[in-house]
Amino acid sequence: PEMELETFYGQLTHIYHVHVPTAFPALDLNEPTSFIFAAIRECKLKTDDAQLDGLDIHFYSKHGQLSVMDVKTAQALVGRVPSASNEWAIVDRSAALVQA
C-alpha cells in the first residue's frame, strides 16, 4: 500500500523515557538503548472556515483517542488560543506562515 503524508493535531499529555539496559537480540538491539515516547491525545478538528484559508488556523472542541508514539514522529509544536463557543483555535506556525 502507498502511504500519504497527513497532518494531525493533538495535545501532548505525557513523555515516557524507556531504557533497555542490556542487548535484546529479539528486538534487534545490540547494546543498551533508550527510547522516548510521547502520549498525544488527538484533537477532533472542525471543518475549516473558508475565510481562514491558507493561514493554518484550525478549530476543535473535542479530543479523540490517546496514542503513544516515538517522539521523533512529532514534526512541530503549535499553539492554541480560546475561541467562541468553547472551542480552541490551533495556530500552526510550522508551514507557510513561518516564512511570511
N, C-alpha and C. Protein backbone atom coordinates (compact mmCIF):
# COMPACT_ATOMS: atom_id res chain seq x y z
N PRO A 1 0.83 -1.21 0.00
CA PRO A 1 0.00 0.00 0.00
C PRO A 1 0.86 1.26 0.00
N GLU A 2 0.40 2.26 -0.70
CA GLU A 2 1.13 3.52 -0.79
C GLU A 2 0.71 4.45 0.35
N MET A 3 1.69 5.01 1.04
CA MET A 3 1.42 5.90 2.17
C MET A 3 1.35 7.34 1.68
N GLU A 4 0.51 8.14 2.35
CA GLU A 4 0.42 9.56 2.05
C GLU A 4 0.71 10.36 3.31
N LEU A 5 1.42 11.47 3.15
CA LEU A 5 1.71 12.35 4.26
C LEU A 5 0.43 13.05 4.69
N GLU A 6 0.14 13.05 5.99
CA GLU A 6 -1.07 13.67 6.51
C GLU A 6 -0.74 14.41 7.80
N THR A 7 -1.41 15.52 8.04
CA THR A 7 -1.19 16.31 9.24
C THR A 7 -2.23 15.99 10.29
N PHE A 8 -1.78 15.78 11.52
CA PHE A 8 -2.66 15.56 12.65
C PHE A 8 -2.29 16.55 13.74
N TYR A 9 -3.27 16.91 14.55
CA TYR A 9 -3.03 17.79 15.69
C TYR A 9 -3.45 17.06 16.95
N GLY A 10 -2.71 17.28 18.03
CA GLY A 10 -3.05 16.64 19.29
C GLY A 10 -2.44 17.38 20.46
N GLN A 11 -2.87 16.97 21.65
CA GLN A 11 -2.38 17.57 22.89
C GLN A 11 -1.40 16.60 23.54
N LEU A 12 -0.19 17.06 23.76
CA LEU A 12 0.82 16.24 24.44
C LEU A 12 0.41 16.08 25.90
N THR A 13 0.25 14.83 26.34
CA THR A 13 -0.17 14.59 27.72
C THR A 13 0.95 14.03 28.59
N HIS A 14 1.83 13.21 28.01
CA HIS A 14 2.92 12.62 28.78
C HIS A 14 4.12 12.36 27.87
N ILE A 15 5.30 12.33 28.48
CA ILE A 15 6.52 11.91 27.80
C ILE A 15 7.11 10.78 28.63
N TYR A 16 7.45 9.67 27.96
CA TYR A 16 7.98 8.50 28.65
C TYR A 16 9.40 8.21 28.17
N HIS A 17 10.29 7.94 29.11
CA HIS A 17 11.65 7.51 28.80
C HIS A 17 11.73 6.02 29.15
N VAL A 18 12.04 5.20 28.14
CA VAL A 18 12.15 3.75 28.35
C VAL A 18 13.59 3.37 28.07
N HIS A 19 14.25 2.81 29.09
CA HIS A 19 15.65 2.40 28.94
C HIS A 19 15.72 0.89 28.96
N VAL A 20 16.35 0.32 27.93
CA VAL A 20 16.62 -1.12 27.86
C VAL A 20 18.09 -1.27 28.22
N PRO A 21 18.40 -1.77 29.45
CA PRO A 21 19.77 -1.72 29.97
C PRO A 21 20.76 -2.69 29.33
N THR A 22 20.27 -3.70 28.63
CA THR A 22 21.19 -4.67 28.01
C THR A 22 20.76 -4.94 26.58
N ALA A 23 21.63 -5.62 25.85
CA ALA A 23 21.28 -6.01 24.48
C ALA A 23 20.03 -6.88 24.50
N PHE A 24 19.22 -6.79 23.47
CA PHE A 24 17.98 -7.55 23.36
C PHE A 24 17.86 -8.00 21.90
N PRO A 25 18.56 -9.09 21.53
CA PRO A 25 18.62 -9.51 20.12
C PRO A 25 17.25 -9.74 19.48
N ALA A 26 16.27 -10.18 20.24
CA ALA A 26 14.94 -10.43 19.67
C ALA A 26 14.32 -9.15 19.11
N LEU A 27 14.74 -8.00 19.62
CA LEU A 27 14.26 -6.71 19.13
C LEU A 27 15.32 -5.99 18.28
N ASP A 28 16.36 -6.73 17.91
CA ASP A 28 17.46 -6.19 17.11
C ASP A 28 18.17 -5.04 17.83
N LEU A 29 18.28 -5.15 19.15
CA LEU A 29 19.02 -4.18 19.96
C LEU A 29 20.32 -4.83 20.39
N ASN A 30 21.44 -4.33 19.88
CA ASN A 30 22.73 -4.94 20.15
C ASN A 30 23.49 -4.30 21.30
N GLU A 31 22.91 -3.28 21.91
CA GLU A 31 23.54 -2.59 23.04
C GLU A 31 22.44 -1.93 23.86
N PRO A 32 22.78 -1.44 25.06
CA PRO A 32 21.77 -0.71 25.84
C PRO A 32 21.21 0.45 25.01
N THR A 33 19.92 0.65 25.11
CA THR A 33 19.24 1.64 24.27
C THR A 33 18.17 2.37 25.07
N SER A 34 17.94 3.62 24.73
CA SER A 34 16.85 4.39 25.33
C SER A 34 15.88 4.82 24.24
N PHE A 35 14.62 4.86 24.59
CA PHE A 35 13.56 5.34 23.70
C PHE A 35 12.80 6.44 24.42
N ILE A 36 12.33 7.42 23.67
CA ILE A 36 11.47 8.47 24.22
C ILE A 36 10.14 8.38 23.47
N PHE A 37 9.07 8.18 24.23
CA PHE A 37 7.73 8.09 23.66
C PHE A 37 6.89 9.28 24.11
N ALA A 38 5.96 9.69 23.26
CA ALA A 38 5.03 10.77 23.59
C ALA A 38 3.61 10.22 23.57
N ALA A 39 2.85 10.53 24.61
CA ALA A 39 1.42 10.22 24.63
C ALA A 39 0.69 11.47 24.16
N ILE A 40 -0.04 11.35 23.08
CA ILE A 40 -0.70 12.51 22.46
C ILE A 40 -2.18 12.20 22.27
N ARG A 41 -3.03 13.11 22.77
CA ARG A 41 -4.48 12.97 22.60
C ARG A 41 -4.89 13.77 21.37
N GLU A 42 -5.51 13.07 20.42
CA GLU A 42 -5.92 13.66 19.15
C GLU A 42 -6.94 14.79 19.35
N CYS A 43 -6.81 15.85 18.56
CA CYS A 43 -7.80 16.93 18.52
C CYS A 43 -8.75 16.65 17.36
N LYS A 44 -10.05 16.62 17.64
CA LYS A 44 -11.06 16.41 16.60
C LYS A 44 -11.33 17.76 15.93
N LEU A 45 -10.78 17.93 14.73
CA LEU A 45 -10.90 19.21 14.03
C LEU A 45 -12.29 19.40 13.45
N LYS A 46 -12.74 20.66 13.46
CA LYS A 46 -13.99 21.03 12.80
C LYS A 46 -13.67 21.40 11.36
N THR A 47 -14.69 21.53 10.54
CA THR A 47 -14.49 21.94 9.15
C THR A 47 -13.86 23.33 9.12
N ASP A 48 -12.83 23.48 8.30
CA ASP A 48 -12.12 24.77 8.24
C ASP A 48 -13.01 25.89 7.72
N ASP A 49 -12.81 27.07 8.25
CA ASP A 49 -13.51 28.29 7.85
C ASP A 49 -12.85 28.81 6.57
N ALA A 50 -13.63 29.01 5.52
CA ALA A 50 -13.08 29.46 4.23
C ALA A 50 -12.36 30.80 4.35
N GLN A 51 -12.76 31.64 5.31
CA GLN A 51 -12.11 32.94 5.49
C GLN A 51 -10.68 32.81 5.99
N LEU A 52 -10.35 31.66 6.56
CA LEU A 52 -9.01 31.45 7.12
C LEU A 52 -8.13 30.62 6.19
N ASP A 53 -8.58 30.39 4.96
CA ASP A 53 -7.81 29.59 4.01
C ASP A 53 -6.37 30.08 3.92
N GLY A 54 -5.43 29.16 3.97
CA GLY A 54 -4.03 29.49 3.83
C GLY A 54 -3.35 30.00 5.09
N LEU A 55 -4.08 30.13 6.20
CA LEU A 55 -3.47 30.67 7.42
C LEU A 55 -3.07 29.58 8.42
N ASP A 56 -3.36 28.33 8.13
CA ASP A 56 -3.04 27.23 9.04
C ASP A 56 -3.62 27.45 10.43
N ILE A 57 -4.88 27.88 10.49
CA ILE A 57 -5.61 28.01 11.75
C ILE A 57 -6.79 27.05 11.66
N HIS A 58 -6.90 26.15 12.63
CA HIS A 58 -7.94 25.12 12.64
C HIS A 58 -8.62 25.14 14.00
N PHE A 59 -9.91 24.75 14.04
CA PHE A 59 -10.67 24.79 15.28
C PHE A 59 -11.04 23.39 15.75
N TYR A 60 -11.06 23.22 17.08
CA TYR A 60 -11.53 21.97 17.66
C TYR A 60 -12.20 22.26 18.99
N SER A 61 -13.09 21.36 19.41
CA SER A 61 -13.73 21.49 20.72
C SER A 61 -13.70 20.17 21.48
N LYS A 62 -13.29 19.10 20.81
CA LYS A 62 -13.26 17.77 21.44
C LYS A 62 -11.93 17.08 21.17
N HIS A 63 -11.61 16.17 22.06
CA HIS A 63 -10.42 15.33 21.88
C HIS A 63 -10.85 13.93 21.48
N GLY A 64 -9.96 13.22 20.82
CA GLY A 64 -10.20 11.85 20.41
C GLY A 64 -9.35 10.89 21.21
N GLN A 65 -8.87 9.87 20.53
CA GLN A 65 -8.12 8.81 21.20
C GLN A 65 -6.72 9.25 21.62
N LEU A 66 -6.18 8.53 22.58
CA LEU A 66 -4.81 8.75 23.06
C LEU A 66 -3.90 7.76 22.35
N SER A 67 -2.83 8.25 21.77
CA SER A 67 -1.86 7.40 21.08
C SER A 67 -0.49 7.61 21.70
N VAL A 68 0.28 6.54 21.75
CA VAL A 68 1.67 6.61 22.22
C VAL A 68 2.56 6.34 21.02
N MET A 69 3.49 7.26 20.76
CA MET A 69 4.34 7.13 19.58
C MET A 69 5.76 7.58 19.88
N ASP A 70 6.66 7.21 19.01
CA ASP A 70 8.05 7.65 19.10
C ASP A 70 8.06 9.18 18.98
N VAL A 71 8.71 9.85 19.92
CA VAL A 71 8.70 11.32 19.92
C VAL A 71 9.32 11.88 18.63
N LYS A 72 10.13 11.10 17.95
CA LYS A 72 10.74 11.56 16.69
C LYS A 72 9.70 11.81 15.60
N THR A 73 8.50 11.25 15.75
CA THR A 73 7.48 11.45 14.72
C THR A 73 6.77 12.79 14.87
N ALA A 74 6.95 13.48 15.98
CA ALA A 74 6.35 14.81 16.16
C ALA A 74 7.15 15.79 15.32
N GLN A 75 6.50 16.48 14.42
CA GLN A 75 7.19 17.36 13.49
C GLN A 75 7.31 18.80 13.95
N ALA A 76 6.33 19.28 14.72
CA ALA A 76 6.34 20.69 15.10
C ALA A 76 5.48 20.91 16.34
N LEU A 77 5.74 22.00 17.01
CA LEU A 77 4.91 22.43 18.13
C LEU A 77 4.07 23.60 17.64
N VAL A 78 2.80 23.60 18.02
CA VAL A 78 1.91 24.68 17.62
C VAL A 78 1.22 25.23 18.86
N GLY A 79 0.56 26.35 18.72
CA GLY A 79 -0.13 26.96 19.86
C GLY A 79 -1.63 26.86 19.72
N ARG A 80 -2.33 27.22 20.80
CA ARG A 80 -3.78 27.27 20.75
C ARG A 80 -4.25 28.50 21.51
N VAL A 81 -5.37 29.05 21.05
CA VAL A 81 -5.98 30.21 21.70
C VAL A 81 -7.48 29.95 21.83
N PRO A 82 -8.10 30.44 22.92
CA PRO A 82 -9.54 30.21 23.08
C PRO A 82 -10.33 30.97 22.02
N SER A 83 -11.43 30.37 21.61
CA SER A 83 -12.30 30.96 20.61
C SER A 83 -13.73 30.95 21.16
N ALA A 84 -14.68 31.35 20.35
CA ALA A 84 -16.08 31.36 20.77
C ALA A 84 -16.63 29.94 20.92
N SER A 85 -17.72 29.80 21.64
CA SER A 85 -18.45 28.53 21.76
C SER A 85 -17.62 27.40 22.35
N ASN A 86 -16.80 27.68 23.34
CA ASN A 86 -15.99 26.64 23.99
C ASN A 86 -15.11 25.88 23.00
N GLU A 87 -14.60 26.56 22.00
CA GLU A 87 -13.69 25.95 21.03
C GLU A 87 -12.30 26.52 21.25
N TRP A 88 -11.34 25.84 20.65
CA TRP A 88 -9.96 26.32 20.64
C TRP A 88 -9.53 26.48 19.19
N ALA A 89 -8.72 27.49 18.92
CA ALA A 89 -8.13 27.67 17.60
C ALA A 89 -6.68 27.22 17.68
N ILE A 90 -6.30 26.32 16.78
CA ILE A 90 -4.92 25.86 16.69
C ILE A 90 -4.20 26.77 15.70
N VAL A 91 -3.12 27.37 16.13
CA VAL A 91 -2.33 28.25 15.27
C VAL A 91 -1.05 27.50 14.91
N ASP A 92 -0.98 27.06 13.66
CA ASP A 92 0.13 26.24 13.18
C ASP A 92 1.17 27.13 12.53
N ARG A 93 2.33 27.27 13.16
CA ARG A 93 3.41 28.10 12.63
C ARG A 93 4.49 27.26 11.97
N SER A 94 4.17 26.01 11.63
CA SER A 94 5.21 25.14 11.09
C SER A 94 5.29 25.18 9.57
N ALA A 95 4.35 25.82 8.90
CA ALA A 95 4.33 25.77 7.43
C ALA A 95 4.50 27.15 6.82
N ALA A 96 3.54 27.56 6.01
CA ALA A 96 3.67 28.77 5.20
C ALA A 96 3.88 30.04 6.01
N LEU A 97 3.21 30.18 7.15
CA LEU A 97 3.32 31.42 7.91
C LEU A 97 4.70 31.63 8.51
N VAL A 98 5.45 30.57 8.68
CA VAL A 98 6.78 30.70 9.27
C VAL A 98 7.68 31.53 8.36
N GLN A 99 7.53 31.38 7.07
CA GLN A 99 8.36 32.12 6.13
C GLN A 99 7.81 33.51 5.84
N ALA A 100 6.59 33.82 6.30
CA ALA A 100 5.96 35.12 5.99
C ALA A 100 6.69 36.26 6.68
